[in-house]
Amino acid sequence: MDSNEVTLVVSDLDGTLLDSQKNVGQRTKEAIEDLKNKGILFGIASGRPVESIIKLSKKWGIDDSISFIIGMNGGAMYDNRLHQKEEFANMDGELLLSVIKFIRQGVDKHFGKVHFEVMDGNTRYVEWSSPYTLENADLYGEAEVIKDLDSYMPGRRFDKLIIRSDPQDQPALIEYSKGYQSPMFNAFATANDLFEYVDPQINKGYGLQKICDHYGLDLAHVVAFGDEANDVEMLSLAGNGVAMKNATLPARMASNIILDHTNDEEGEARYIQDEILANAKGELDTPYVKMG
């Protein structure tokens, strides 16, 4: 794909757009602002809720440069210009509760204490909180609400289930989780301490397709950046999938390009400036259309 054909750039957050301190570097801010000035749409694809990313993008100082958000690993999208959100799937509370009950049986036998986070928008419903989980929720623009999940979840629907564990326990948690499979959910790691359950049709590639349909754009002219297993479908679907130097093997294998720089070295910004903006020709007249 020629760089001057790029009409849309989409980026994962953690390990990709953000540095290790969860900040956006100055070079990255300038790069995505320059994309906007060239008429190239820029957006974020994350496992986080749309509402959290809206709040955090203001903190990072990039909210004016973002055209769209793909949240919940592809389960929701948001048009930042029209301020409209669309959701595609959520999950039955009793199904997710059955997962929780199964995982509980493995605690202290196969792995250590875990933290269940049942997501509805940017609200986490949890069984207990600690200074760390509350600080983490605040860091990601989310609210943590303590509930008796056994009584609260039946009859309700949620966006997804996150299981937070000690990184050293995650391999055992993932292996144990294989003992309870269902066509009603997909489960995958999104970080070395996070393991998530989502609707089986949902992934970032699904969200990217919805965004391209929304704007009337061709996937062949999309550049996607990522670093983790939950980026694989998006990296595979985009015309150019770009993996960070720090990317996991699945993300590398799904990509056309592997960068020479990490997220802490602003590898994404370097590629945008050197390969996309350096070859972009003028401004593109990219239409905005109304969702729904």
Protein backbone atom coordinates (compact mmCIF):
# COMPACT_ATOMS: atom_id res chain seq x y z
CA MET A 1 0.00 0.00 0.00
CA ASP A 2 1.39 3.42 -0.95
CA SER A 3 1.55 5.79 2.02
CA ASN A 4 -0.33 8.48 0.09
CA GLU A 5 -3.33 6.13 -0.05
CA VAL A 6 -3.76 6.04 3.73
CA THR A 7 -7.16 7.35 4.76
CA LEU A 8 -7.41 6.02 8.32
CA VAL A 9 -4.96 5.18 11.11
CA VAL A 10 -6.05 3.17 14.14
CA SER A 11 -3.98 2.48 17.23
CA ASP A 12 -4.05 0.27 20.28
CA LEU A 13 -3.28 2.08 23.54
CA ASP A 14 -1.19 0.19 26.11
CA GLY A 15 2.17 -0.89 24.73
CA THR A 16 1.52 1.01 21.51
CA LEU A 17 0.35 4.64 21.67
CA LEU A 18 1.06 5.01 25.40
CA ASP A 19 4.47 4.76 27.01
CA SER A 20 5.15 2.63 30.08
CA GLN A 21 3.97 5.47 32.32
CA LYS A 22 0.59 5.54 30.49
CA ASN A 23 1.32 8.89 28.87
CA VAL A 24 1.35 10.14 25.28
CA GLY A 25 4.71 11.55 24.19
CA GLN A 26 5.09 14.94 22.57
CA ARG A 27 6.26 13.45 19.28
CA THR A 28 3.17 11.25 19.20
CA LYS A 29 0.86 14.20 19.90
CA GLU A 30 2.41 16.10 17.03
CA ALA A 31 2.18 13.13 14.67
CA ILE A 32 -1.52 12.51 15.20
CA GLU A 33 -2.27 16.23 15.04
CA ASP A 34 -0.49 16.28 11.67
CA LEU A 35 -2.64 13.35 10.51
CA LYS A 36 -5.70 15.44 11.26
CA ASN A 37 -4.26 18.38 9.32
CA LYS A 38 -3.76 16.09 6.32
CA GLY A 39 -7.36 14.87 6.51
CA ILE A 40 -6.36 11.36 7.61
CA LEU A 41 -8.68 9.97 10.26
CA PHE A 42 -7.02 8.83 13.48
CA GLY A 43 -8.65 6.71 16.17
CA ILE A 44 -8.04 4.44 19.11
CA ALA A 45 -8.96 0.77 19.46
CA SER A 46 -8.91 -0.49 23.03
CA GLY A 47 -10.36 -3.00 25.42
CA ARG A 48 -11.34 -0.07 27.60
CA PRO A 49 -14.81 1.52 27.56
CA VAL A 50 -15.47 4.36 25.16
CA GLU A 51 -16.38 6.60 28.10
CA SER A 52 -12.97 6.05 29.72
CA ILE A 53 -11.07 6.84 26.53
CA ILE A 54 -13.06 10.04 26.00
CA LYS A 55 -12.08 11.20 29.48
CA LEU A 56 -8.45 10.08 29.22
CA SER A 57 -7.91 11.55 25.74
CA LYS A 58 -8.53 14.99 27.24
CA LYS A 59 -5.99 14.29 29.96
CA TRP A 60 -3.46 13.19 27.34
CA GLY A 61 -4.14 16.29 25.24
CA ILE A 62 -5.15 14.40 22.09
CA ASP A 63 -8.95 14.65 22.18
CA ASP A 64 -9.07 17.19 19.34
CA SER A 65 -7.01 14.88 17.11
CA ILE A 66 -9.17 11.78 17.54
CA SER A 67 -11.90 11.13 14.99
CA PHE A 68 -13.22 7.88 16.46
CA ILE A 69 -12.90 5.36 19.25
CA ILE A 70 -13.31 1.58 19.10
CA GLY A 71 -13.96 0.46 22.68
CA MET A 72 -14.51 -2.81 24.51
CA ASN A 73 -12.22 -4.69 22.09
CA GLY A 74 -14.57 -3.90 19.21
CA GLY A 75 -17.87 -4.05 21.08
CA ALA A 76 -18.56 -0.33 20.77
CA MET A 77 -17.62 2.59 18.54
CA TYR A 78 -17.83 6.34 18.99
CA ASP A 79 -17.78 9.16 16.46
CA ASN A 80 -15.90 11.96 18.20
CA ARG A 81 -17.25 14.60 15.84
CA LEU A 82 -20.91 13.65 16.14
CA HIS A 83 -20.57 12.55 19.79
CA GLN A 84 -22.48 9.36 19.00
CA LYS A 85 -21.87 5.89 20.38
CA GLU A 86 -23.02 2.56 18.99
CA GLU A 87 -22.78 -0.80 20.77
CA PHE A 88 -22.77 -4.15 19.01
CA ALA A 89 -22.94 -6.85 21.67
CA ASN A 90 -23.03 -7.44 25.38
CA MET A 91 -23.22 -10.56 27.50
CA ASP A 92 -25.72 -12.32 29.72
CA GLY A 93 -24.92 -11.83 33.39
CA GLU A 94 -25.68 -15.42 34.31
CA LEU A 95 -23.24 -16.68 31.69
CA LEU A 96 -20.46 -14.47 33.04
CA LEU A 97 -21.37 -15.48 36.60
CA SER A 98 -20.92 -19.13 35.63
CA VAL A 99 -17.38 -18.25 34.49
CA ILE A 100 -16.70 -16.49 37.78
CA LYS A 101 -17.90 -19.49 39.77
CA PHE A 102 -15.66 -21.80 37.77
CA ILE A 103 -12.59 -19.57 38.21
CA ARG A 104 -13.24 -19.28 41.94
CA GLN A 105 -12.70 -23.02 42.23
CA GLY A 106 -9.13 -22.63 40.97
CA VAL A 107 -8.08 -19.96 43.46
CA ASP A 108 -5.39 -21.21 45.91
CA LYS A 109 -5.28 -24.54 44.07
CA HIS A 110 -3.91 -23.46 40.71
CA PHE A 111 -3.27 -19.72 41.10
CA GLY A 112 -3.51 -16.95 43.66
CA LYS A 113 -6.19 -14.38 44.45
CA VAL A 114 -7.93 -12.78 41.47
CA HIS A 115 -10.02 -9.65 41.03
CA PHE A 116 -13.22 -10.01 38.99
CA GLU A 117 -14.25 -6.85 37.15
CA VAL A 118 -17.64 -7.00 35.42
CA MET A 119 -17.81 -4.06 33.03
CA ASP A 120 -20.83 -1.94 32.11
CA GLY A 121 -19.56 1.13 30.28
CA ASN A 122 -16.82 2.60 32.45
CA THR A 123 -18.20 1.09 35.66
CA ARG A 124 -16.49 -1.95 37.15
CA TYR A 125 -18.67 -4.12 39.37
CA VAL A 126 -16.39 -5.96 41.77
CA GLU A 127 -16.55 -8.14 44.87
CA TRP A 128 -13.85 -6.22 46.71
CA SER A 129 -11.57 -3.22 46.28
CA SER A 130 -8.06 -2.38 47.37
CA PRO A 131 -5.97 0.81 47.17
CA TYR A 132 -4.35 -0.66 44.04
CA THR A 133 -7.59 -1.53 42.22
CA LEU A 134 -9.10 1.86 43.08
CA GLU A 135 -5.98 3.67 41.90
CA ASN A 136 -6.01 1.58 38.72
CA ALA A 137 -9.68 2.37 38.09
CA ASP A 138 -9.00 6.07 38.52
CA LEU A 139 -5.99 5.84 36.19
CA TYR A 140 -8.26 4.47 33.45
CA GLY A 141 -11.18 6.82 34.07
CA GLU A 142 -13.38 4.09 35.52
CA ALA A 143 -15.48 3.74 38.66
CA GLU A 144 -15.27 0.67 40.90
CA VAL A 145 -18.52 -0.35 42.61
CA ILE A 146 -18.65 -3.20 45.13
CA LYS A 147 -21.51 -5.65 44.62
CA ASP A 148 -22.48 -9.15 45.63
CA LEU A 149 -21.97 -10.48 42.11
CA ASP A 150 -23.92 -13.68 42.78
CA SER A 151 -27.09 -11.72 43.41
CA TYR A 152 -26.40 -8.68 41.20
CA MET A 153 -25.49 -10.29 37.87
CA PRO A 154 -28.50 -12.54 37.07
CA GLY A 155 -31.02 -10.77 34.85
CA ARG A 156 -28.55 -8.10 33.74
CA ARG A 157 -26.25 -7.73 30.75
CA PHE A 158 -22.65 -6.53 30.74
CA ASP A 159 -19.99 -5.55 28.22
CA LYS A 160 -17.39 -8.04 29.39
CA LEU A 161 -15.65 -9.74 32.31
CA ILE A 162 -12.05 -8.95 33.25
CA ILE A 163 -10.06 -11.20 35.56
CA ARG A 164 -7.08 -9.41 37.08
CA SER A 165 -4.32 -11.61 38.48
CA ASP A 166 -0.70 -11.45 39.53
CA PRO A 167 1.32 -11.62 36.28
CA GLN A 168 3.16 -14.71 37.51
CA ASP A 169 -0.20 -16.47 38.01
CA GLN A 170 -1.64 -15.64 34.61
CA PRO A 171 -0.25 -18.65 32.69
CA ALA A 172 -1.83 -21.00 35.25
CA LEU A 173 -5.09 -19.02 35.17
CA ILE A 174 -5.24 -19.25 31.38
CA GLU A 175 -4.52 -22.96 31.42
CA TYR A 176 -7.17 -23.55 34.09
CA SER A 177 -9.74 -21.50 32.13
CA LYS A 178 -9.53 -24.03 29.29
CA GLY A 179 -11.53 -26.37 31.50
CA TYR A 180 -14.65 -24.28 30.87
CA GLN A 181 -15.30 -23.55 27.21
CA SER A 182 -18.45 -22.22 25.55
CA PRO A 183 -19.44 -20.96 22.08
CA MET A 184 -21.08 -18.08 23.96
CA PHE A 185 -17.78 -16.35 24.78
CA ASN A 186 -14.18 -15.79 23.75
CA ALA A 187 -11.42 -15.43 26.31
CA PHE A 188 -7.95 -13.96 25.83
CA ALA A 189 -5.21 -12.04 27.62
CA THR A 190 -5.01 -8.29 26.99
CA ALA A 191 -2.02 -7.68 29.29
CA ASN A 192 0.19 -9.85 31.49
CA ASP A 193 -2.24 -9.37 34.39
CA LEU A 194 -5.59 -9.15 32.54
CA PHE A 195 -7.67 -12.01 31.11
CA GLU A 196 -10.99 -11.09 29.49
CA TYR A 197 -14.24 -12.74 28.42
CA VAL A 198 -16.20 -11.12 25.59
CA ASP A 199 -18.97 -11.91 23.12
CA PRO A 200 -17.57 -14.39 20.53
CA GLN A 201 -18.25 -12.14 17.53
CA ILE A 202 -16.41 -9.22 19.08
CA ASN A 203 -12.79 -8.32 18.42
CA LYS A 204 -10.92 -5.21 17.31
CA GLY A 205 -11.10 -6.34 13.69
CA TYR A 206 -14.89 -6.41 13.96
CA GLY A 207 -14.82 -2.88 15.36
CA LEU A 208 -12.47 -1.71 12.63
CA GLN A 209 -14.79 -3.06 9.93
CA LYS A 210 -17.70 -1.20 11.55
CA ILE A 211 -15.69 2.03 11.58
CA CYS A 212 -14.74 1.66 7.91
CA ASP A 213 -18.39 1.00 7.05
CA HIS A 214 -19.35 4.06 9.07
CA TYR A 215 -17.02 6.36 7.15
CA GLY A 216 -17.36 4.57 3.81
CA LEU A 217 -13.64 3.74 3.67
CA ASP A 218 -11.74 0.77 2.28
CA LEU A 219 -9.81 -1.42 4.72
CA ALA A 220 -7.01 -1.58 2.16
CA HIS A 221 -6.20 2.06 2.98
CA VAL A 222 -6.02 1.54 6.75
CA VAL A 223 -2.85 1.42 8.87
CA ALA A 224 -3.28 -0.31 12.25
CA PHE A 225 -0.79 -0.33 15.14
CA GLY A 226 -0.75 -2.91 17.94
CA ASP A 227 1.31 -5.05 20.26
CA GLU A 228 -0.88 -7.71 21.91
CA ALA A 229 -2.92 -10.81 21.12
CA ASN A 230 -6.18 -8.85 21.22
CA ASP A 231 -4.86 -6.71 18.33
CA VAL A 232 -4.40 -9.67 15.98
CA GLU A 233 -7.70 -9.45 14.07
CA MET A 234 -7.30 -5.70 13.59
CA LEU A 235 -3.69 -6.03 12.42
CA SER A 236 -4.66 -8.81 10.02
CA LEU A 237 -7.64 -6.94 8.56
CA ALA A 238 -5.95 -3.59 7.95
CA GLY A 239 -4.18 -2.91 4.67
CA ASN A 240 -1.02 -2.42 6.71
CA GLY A 241 -0.74 -4.04 10.13
CA VAL A 242 2.18 -2.57 12.09
CA ALA A 243 3.55 -4.29 15.20
CA MET A 244 5.65 -2.47 17.78
CA LYS A 245 9.17 -3.68 18.52
CA ASN A 246 7.84 -4.74 21.93
CA ALA A 247 4.92 -6.69 20.39
CA THR A 248 4.06 -10.25 21.33
CA LEU A 249 4.60 -13.06 18.83
CA PRO A 250 0.90 -13.29 17.81
CA ALA A 251 0.81 -9.56 17.02
CA ARG A 252 4.07 -9.81 15.06
CA MET A 253 2.81 -12.73 13.01
CA ALA A 254 -0.41 -10.86 12.14
CA SER A 255 1.45 -7.76 10.91
CA ASN A 256 3.03 -6.70 7.64
CA ILE A 257 5.62 -4.54 9.39
CA ILE A 258 7.53 -4.84 12.67
CA LEU A 259 8.95 -1.55 13.92
CA ASP A 260 12.50 -0.99 15.11
CA HIS A 261 11.27 1.07 18.06
CA THR A 262 9.14 0.39 21.13
CA ASN A 263 6.24 2.33 22.60
CA ASP A 264 8.67 4.03 24.99
CA GLU A 265 10.64 5.20 21.95
CA GLU A 266 7.46 6.52 20.28
CA GLY A 267 7.79 3.98 17.50
CA GLU A 268 4.28 4.66 16.22
CA ALA A 269 4.93 8.39 15.87
CA ARG A 270 8.17 7.70 13.99
CA TYR A 271 6.36 5.51 11.47
CA ILE A 272 3.52 8.02 11.03
CA GLN A 273 5.99 10.83 10.39
CA ASP A 274 8.49 8.92 8.26
CA GLU A 275 6.18 6.69 6.22
CA ILE A 276 2.67 8.18 6.22
CA LEU A 277 2.99 11.94 6.56
CA ALA A 278 6.19 12.17 4.52
CA ASN A 279 4.31 10.75 1.53
CA ALA A 280 0.83 12.17 2.08
CA LYS A 281 -0.34 14.52 -0.66
CA GLY A 282 -2.42 17.45 0.53
CA GLU A 283 -5.63 17.14 2.48
CA LEU A 284 -8.19 14.42 1.93
CA ASP A 285 -11.89 15.16 1.86
CA THR A 286 -13.00 12.36 4.17
CA PRO A 287 -16.79 12.30 4.67
CA TYR A 288 -18.40 12.00 8.07
CA VAL A 289 -21.64 10.07 8.15
CA LYS A 290 -24.21 9.63 10.85
CA MET A 291 -24.38 6.29 12.62
CA GLY A 292 -27.54 4.31 12.94
